[in-house]
Amino acid sequence: MLKRVTAFAAILAAGIIAGCGGGGGSAPTATVSGAVADGYLRGAEVFLDKNGNYQWDVGEPKATSGPGGVYTLDVAQTDLGKYPIVCRAVAGSTVDEDTGQTVQNGYAMSAPAGVTGFISPLTSIMREKMAASPGMTMAQAMAQLRSQFNLPADADLLGDYVAGSMAGPRQADYQTMRQTARQMAALMGQAAPLVMNGSGVYVNRYRGMMGEIDQNLPEIVYNAVSGAGMGSAFMQAMLTQMEAFLQSMPTGGGFMNYSGMFSNMTSHTTFWNYTGGRWQPAGMTGSGMM
């Protein structure tokens, strides 16, 4: 039976093994390991983002993910838990093991500082919620995300939904996460021409994109679990709206304030209502979804 990975374990214990640097007075290091996924991503760039620019810079620990999306970083012990890990899926190079194909459009994912065990579109949304609202705690971000996903209060949004969707007592919850994460990643990939900047991102456009995804997340969940694909009327309308928004944003300048896009609402009924014998997003816009 698959053991559920708890958020506490993911933050404090997933893959962090203390070690020592080599001789000659080098700084003590620790090995940090985990996995990156939409489906598991093989050949993705993974690094510790010490300056928060979503781009690898000289001096930041970096690795390439292997089979199963597994990565390992050697991190200074003084840096443990202080900085987010970023994953960059590289167009034409990174393989999505769900399809066995290389990704057509590159995209970036991350996680709140200290979360290392599993990096995904879900952890990316959590990081942006907390970055936009500095007072938001991990527990609050998790509670809001559960409500947006229409999942029970003990669902682990930091867990490995790829493995969890295969078997175990929470299989249905993990399947919802996995199906939705695929569509989130597809949106991120389709917006890549407006967001990605060589080996990094236009930070404000990236955060704007994640804000658009966050605001529409219950509808994306509904689209995914209903079996509708990226060609649904809702997804096409959302993509058009998101691209227009991103095109209106500058590619440079200082960090913009996106707190309004990531409001800290944790009430389940803020996002969902029960209509016609099933839960439906409270903010549905008549986009043609079933």
Protein backbone atom coordinates (compact mmCIF):
# COMPACT_ATOMS: atom_id res chain seq x y z
CA MET A 1 0.00 0.00 0.00
CA LEU A 2 1.37 3.36 -0.95
CA LYS A 3 2.33 5.42 2.04
CA ARG A 4 0.95 8.95 1.84
CA VAL A 5 3.67 11.56 1.80
CA THR A 6 2.77 14.23 4.33
CA ALA A 7 3.44 17.92 3.88
CA PHE A 8 5.51 17.88 7.05
CA ALA A 9 7.73 15.14 5.69
CA ALA A 10 8.05 16.87 2.34
CA ILE A 11 9.19 20.08 3.96
CA LEU A 12 11.46 18.76 6.67
CA ALA A 13 12.72 15.38 5.59
CA ALA A 14 12.21 14.59 1.91
CA GLY A 15 15.60 13.80 0.56
CA ILE A 16 17.73 16.05 2.81
CA ILE A 17 20.73 14.13 4.00
CA ALA A 18 23.39 16.01 5.91
CA GLY A 19 26.94 15.65 4.71
CA CYS A 20 30.27 17.38 4.84
CA GLY A 21 32.24 19.15 2.20
CA GLY A 22 35.64 17.88 1.20
CA GLY A 23 38.83 18.66 3.03
CA GLY A 24 40.73 21.89 2.90
CA GLY A 25 38.22 23.88 4.93
CA SER A 26 35.40 23.81 2.39
CA ALA A 27 31.94 24.70 3.70
CA PRO A 28 29.78 21.80 4.95
CA THR A 29 27.19 20.70 2.41
CA ALA A 30 24.02 18.63 2.37
CA THR A 31 22.49 16.47 -0.33
CA VAL A 32 18.98 17.55 -1.25
CA SER A 33 16.98 15.23 -3.48
CA GLY A 34 13.45 14.84 -4.78
CA ALA A 35 11.52 14.57 -8.02
CA VAL A 36 10.07 17.00 -10.55
CA ALA A 37 6.87 16.36 -12.44
CA ASP A 38 3.99 17.24 -14.58
CA GLY A 39 4.41 13.65 -15.44
CA TYR A 40 7.90 12.84 -14.16
CA LEU A 41 10.31 15.06 -16.09
CA ARG A 42 13.61 13.55 -17.24
CA GLY A 43 16.33 15.90 -18.40
CA ALA A 44 14.95 19.02 -16.69
CA GLU A 45 17.21 21.70 -15.21
CA VAL A 46 16.84 21.89 -11.43
CA PHE A 47 18.56 24.51 -9.27
CA LEU A 48 18.47 26.37 -5.98
CA ASP A 49 17.25 29.88 -6.82
CA LYS A 50 19.14 31.99 -4.33
CA ASN A 51 18.24 35.38 -5.83
CA GLY A 52 14.63 34.64 -6.72
CA ASN A 53 14.88 35.34 -10.46
CA TYR A 54 13.72 31.88 -11.63
CA GLN A 55 16.93 31.56 -13.65
CA TRP A 56 20.11 29.64 -12.92
CA ASP A 57 23.06 31.89 -12.07
CA VAL A 58 26.69 30.97 -11.52
CA GLY A 59 27.18 29.78 -7.96
CA GLU A 60 23.71 28.30 -7.56
CA PRO A 61 23.65 24.50 -7.14
CA LYS A 62 22.28 22.90 -10.30
CA ALA A 63 21.50 19.39 -11.56
CA THR A 64 19.68 17.60 -14.35
CA SER A 65 16.80 15.33 -13.42
CA GLY A 66 17.05 11.64 -14.28
CA PRO A 67 14.53 8.80 -14.71
CA GLY A 68 11.45 9.27 -12.55
CA GLY A 69 12.19 12.99 -12.43
CA VAL A 70 14.73 12.41 -9.66
CA TYR A 71 17.26 15.16 -8.96
CA THR A 72 20.06 15.62 -6.44
CA LEU A 73 21.65 18.91 -5.40
CA ASP A 74 24.66 19.56 -3.18
CA VAL A 75 23.64 22.56 -1.08
CA ALA A 76 25.55 24.47 1.58
CA GLN A 77 24.08 23.55 4.95
CA THR A 78 23.64 27.24 5.72
CA ASP A 79 21.30 27.48 2.68
CA LEU A 80 19.01 24.59 3.63
CA GLY A 81 15.37 25.65 3.68
CA LYS A 82 16.16 29.28 2.83
CA TYR A 83 15.62 29.37 -0.94
CA PRO A 84 13.15 27.87 -3.42
CA ILE A 85 14.08 25.16 -5.87
CA VAL A 86 13.21 25.88 -9.50
CA CYS A 87 12.73 23.33 -12.27
CA ARG A 88 12.97 24.34 -15.92
CA ALA A 89 11.51 21.94 -18.49
CA VAL A 90 13.60 22.54 -21.62
CA ALA A 91 11.82 22.52 -24.98
CA GLY A 92 13.01 19.71 -27.24
CA SER A 93 15.17 18.19 -24.50
CA THR A 94 13.21 17.42 -21.34
CA VAL A 95 11.15 14.23 -21.59
CA ASP A 96 7.71 13.99 -19.98
CA GLU A 97 7.54 10.35 -18.90
CA ASP A 98 3.74 10.41 -19.06
CA THR A 99 3.99 10.65 -22.85
CA GLY A 100 7.56 9.52 -23.53
CA GLN A 101 7.98 12.64 -25.66
CA THR A 102 10.09 15.76 -25.25
CA VAL A 103 8.17 18.84 -24.19
CA GLN A 104 7.35 21.12 -27.11
CA ASN A 105 7.41 24.36 -25.11
CA GLY A 106 9.64 25.00 -22.12
CA TYR A 107 8.18 26.13 -18.80
CA ALA A 108 9.31 26.75 -15.24
CA MET A 109 8.06 25.36 -11.94
CA SER A 110 9.11 25.96 -8.36
CA ALA A 111 8.10 25.42 -4.74
CA PRO A 112 8.10 27.37 -1.49
CA ALA A 113 11.49 27.53 0.20
CA GLY A 114 12.13 24.31 2.10
CA VAL A 115 9.88 22.12 -0.08
CA THR A 116 12.16 19.71 -1.92
CA GLY A 117 10.52 16.30 -2.17
CA PHE A 118 8.21 16.90 -5.12
CA ILE A 119 8.21 19.95 -7.43
CA SER A 120 5.11 20.36 -9.61
CA PRO A 121 2.59 22.88 -10.98
CA LEU A 122 0.81 22.57 -7.62
CA THR A 123 3.86 23.55 -5.56
CA SER A 124 4.43 26.38 -8.06
CA ILE A 125 1.00 27.84 -7.29
CA MET A 126 1.69 27.52 -3.57
CA ARG A 127 4.94 29.44 -3.90
CA GLU A 128 3.22 32.27 -5.80
CA LYS A 129 0.40 32.49 -3.25
CA MET A 130 2.94 32.93 -0.46
CA ALA A 131 5.14 35.33 -2.44
CA ALA A 132 2.17 37.56 -3.30
CA SER A 133 0.94 37.61 0.31
CA PRO A 134 4.00 37.63 2.57
CA GLY A 135 1.92 36.96 5.68
CA MET A 136 0.43 33.78 4.22
CA THR A 137 1.65 30.61 5.91
CA MET A 138 2.25 27.24 4.29
CA ALA A 139 -0.81 25.89 6.08
CA GLN A 140 -3.00 28.70 4.74
CA ALA A 141 -1.72 28.25 1.18
CA MET A 142 -2.35 24.50 1.44
CA ALA A 143 -5.88 25.04 2.80
CA GLN A 144 -6.75 27.42 -0.01
CA LEU A 145 -5.37 25.08 -2.65
CA ARG A 146 -7.37 22.16 -1.24
CA SER A 147 -10.52 24.27 -1.46
CA GLN A 148 -9.74 25.22 -5.05
CA PHE A 149 -9.24 21.54 -5.90
CA ASN A 150 -12.41 20.48 -4.08
CA LEU A 151 -10.38 18.00 -2.01
CA PRO A 152 -10.76 16.94 1.65
CA ALA A 153 -8.98 18.74 4.46
CA ASP A 154 -6.29 16.05 4.84
CA ALA A 155 -5.34 15.85 1.15
CA ASP A 156 -1.59 16.35 0.68
CA LEU A 157 -0.98 18.81 -2.14
CA LEU A 158 2.80 18.37 -1.71
CA GLY A 159 2.63 14.61 -2.26
CA ASP A 160 3.81 12.67 -5.30
CA TYR A 161 0.56 12.57 -7.25
CA VAL A 162 2.12 10.47 -10.04
CA ALA A 163 2.82 7.54 -7.70
CA GLY A 164 -0.29 8.23 -5.64
CA SER A 165 -2.58 8.10 -8.67
CA MET A 166 -1.55 4.49 -9.33
CA ALA A 167 -2.67 2.89 -6.07
CA GLY A 168 -3.45 3.52 -2.45
CA PRO A 169 -6.30 4.78 -0.26
CA ARG A 170 -6.12 8.33 -1.68
CA GLN A 171 -5.86 7.30 -5.31
CA ALA A 172 -8.87 9.35 -6.45
CA ASP A 173 -7.49 12.54 -4.84
CA TYR A 174 -4.11 12.04 -6.47
CA GLN A 175 -5.74 11.37 -9.83
CA THR A 176 -7.51 14.73 -9.56
CA MET A 177 -4.19 16.41 -8.80
CA ARG A 178 -2.42 14.63 -11.65
CA GLN A 179 -5.08 15.34 -14.27
CA THR A 180 -5.26 19.00 -13.26
CA ALA A 181 -1.48 19.41 -13.08
CA ARG A 182 -1.20 18.20 -16.68
CA GLN A 183 -3.56 20.91 -17.86
CA MET A 184 -1.82 23.53 -15.72
CA ALA A 185 1.51 22.57 -17.29
CA ALA A 186 -0.06 22.67 -20.76
CA LEU A 187 -1.24 26.23 -20.10
CA MET A 188 2.23 27.18 -18.89
CA GLY A 189 3.77 25.66 -22.02
CA GLN A 190 1.36 27.41 -24.38
CA ALA A 191 2.11 30.76 -22.72
CA ALA A 192 5.87 30.12 -22.97
CA PRO A 193 6.51 32.46 -25.94
CA LEU A 194 5.30 35.36 -23.79
CA VAL A 195 6.83 34.22 -20.49
CA MET A 196 10.09 32.39 -21.09
CA ASN A 197 13.26 34.39 -21.65
CA GLY A 198 16.04 32.16 -22.93
CA SER A 199 17.17 30.19 -19.89
CA GLY A 200 14.83 32.03 -17.51
CA VAL A 201 11.54 33.88 -17.37
CA TYR A 202 10.19 37.40 -17.47
CA VAL A 203 9.41 37.38 -13.77
CA ASN A 204 6.39 39.68 -13.80
CA ARG A 205 4.82 37.87 -16.73
CA TYR A 206 5.49 34.54 -15.06
CA ARG A 207 3.78 35.68 -11.88
CA GLY A 208 0.93 37.16 -13.90
CA MET A 209 0.48 33.82 -15.70
CA MET A 210 0.41 31.94 -12.40
CA GLY A 211 -2.10 34.45 -11.04
CA GLU A 212 -4.39 33.83 -14.02
CA ILE A 213 -4.13 30.08 -13.49
CA ASP A 214 -4.83 30.51 -9.77
CA GLN A 215 -7.93 32.61 -10.37
CA ASN A 216 -9.33 30.00 -12.76
CA LEU A 217 -8.15 26.92 -10.88
CA PRO A 218 -11.55 25.44 -9.90
CA GLU A 219 -12.63 25.66 -13.54
CA ILE A 220 -9.38 24.00 -14.63
CA VAL A 221 -9.95 21.21 -12.08
CA TYR A 222 -13.50 20.76 -13.35
CA ASN A 223 -12.33 20.73 -16.96
CA ALA A 224 -9.71 18.07 -16.17
CA VAL A 225 -11.81 15.68 -14.09
CA SER A 226 -14.74 15.98 -16.50
CA GLY A 227 -12.52 14.59 -19.24
CA ALA A 228 -12.44 17.81 -21.25
CA GLY A 229 -9.13 18.56 -22.90
CA MET A 230 -7.14 21.63 -23.79
CA GLY A 231 -9.41 22.19 -26.78
CA SER A 232 -12.51 22.80 -24.63
CA ALA A 233 -14.30 26.12 -24.99
CA PHE A 234 -13.30 27.11 -21.46
CA MET A 235 -9.61 26.35 -21.91
CA GLN A 236 -9.41 28.14 -25.23
CA ALA A 237 -11.18 31.18 -23.81
CA MET A 238 -8.90 31.19 -20.77
CA LEU A 239 -5.77 30.90 -22.90
CA THR A 240 -6.89 33.81 -25.08
CA GLN A 241 -7.61 35.93 -22.00
CA MET A 242 -4.29 35.00 -20.37
CA GLU A 243 -2.26 35.77 -23.50
CA ALA A 244 -3.93 39.19 -23.87
CA PHE A 245 -3.14 39.96 -20.22
CA LEU A 246 0.48 38.89 -20.56
CA GLN A 247 0.98 40.86 -23.76
CA SER A 248 -0.12 43.99 -21.91
CA MET A 249 2.63 43.56 -19.32
CA PRO A 250 6.17 44.92 -19.66
CA THR A 251 9.02 42.42 -19.85
CA GLY A 252 11.30 44.49 -17.64
CA GLY A 253 11.10 46.72 -14.60
CA GLY A 254 10.81 45.92 -10.91
CA PHE A 255 8.59 43.28 -9.36
CA MET A 256 4.91 44.14 -9.63
CA ASN A 257 2.41 43.58 -6.81
CA TYR A 258 0.15 40.59 -7.52
CA SER A 259 -1.43 40.25 -4.09
CA GLY A 260 -4.88 40.92 -5.55
CA MET A 261 -4.60 37.87 -7.81
CA PHE A 262 -3.86 35.52 -4.90
CA SER A 263 -6.46 36.49 -2.30
CA ASN A 264 -6.30 34.36 0.85
CA MET A 265 -9.78 32.80 0.64
CA THR A 266 -10.04 29.41 2.32
CA SER A 267 -13.82 28.83 2.34
CA HIS A 268 -14.65 25.88 0.12
CA THR A 269 -17.88 27.49 -1.08
CA THR A 270 -15.95 30.51 -2.29
CA PHE A 271 -14.83 28.27 -5.15
CA TRP A 272 -17.56 25.61 -5.53
CA ASN A 273 -21.31 25.14 -5.36
CA TYR A 274 -23.43 22.00 -5.40
CA THR A 275 -25.76 22.11 -8.39
CA GLY A 276 -27.68 19.38 -10.15
CA GLY A 277 -26.25 16.62 -8.00
CA ARG A 278 -22.59 17.52 -8.46
CA TRP A 279 -20.03 20.08 -7.41
CA GLN A 280 -19.40 22.80 -9.97
CA PRO A 281 -17.09 25.83 -9.86
CA ALA A 282 -18.82 28.81 -8.29
CA GLY A 283 -17.30 31.12 -10.88
CA MET A 284 -18.22 29.22 -14.04
CA THR A 285 -18.69 31.55 -16.98
CA GLY A 286 -20.92 29.56 -19.32
CA SER A 287 -17.94 28.44 -21.35
CA GLY A 288 -19.63 25.32 -22.64
CA MET A 289 -18.22 22.77 -20.19
CA MET A 290 -20.45 19.90 -19.15
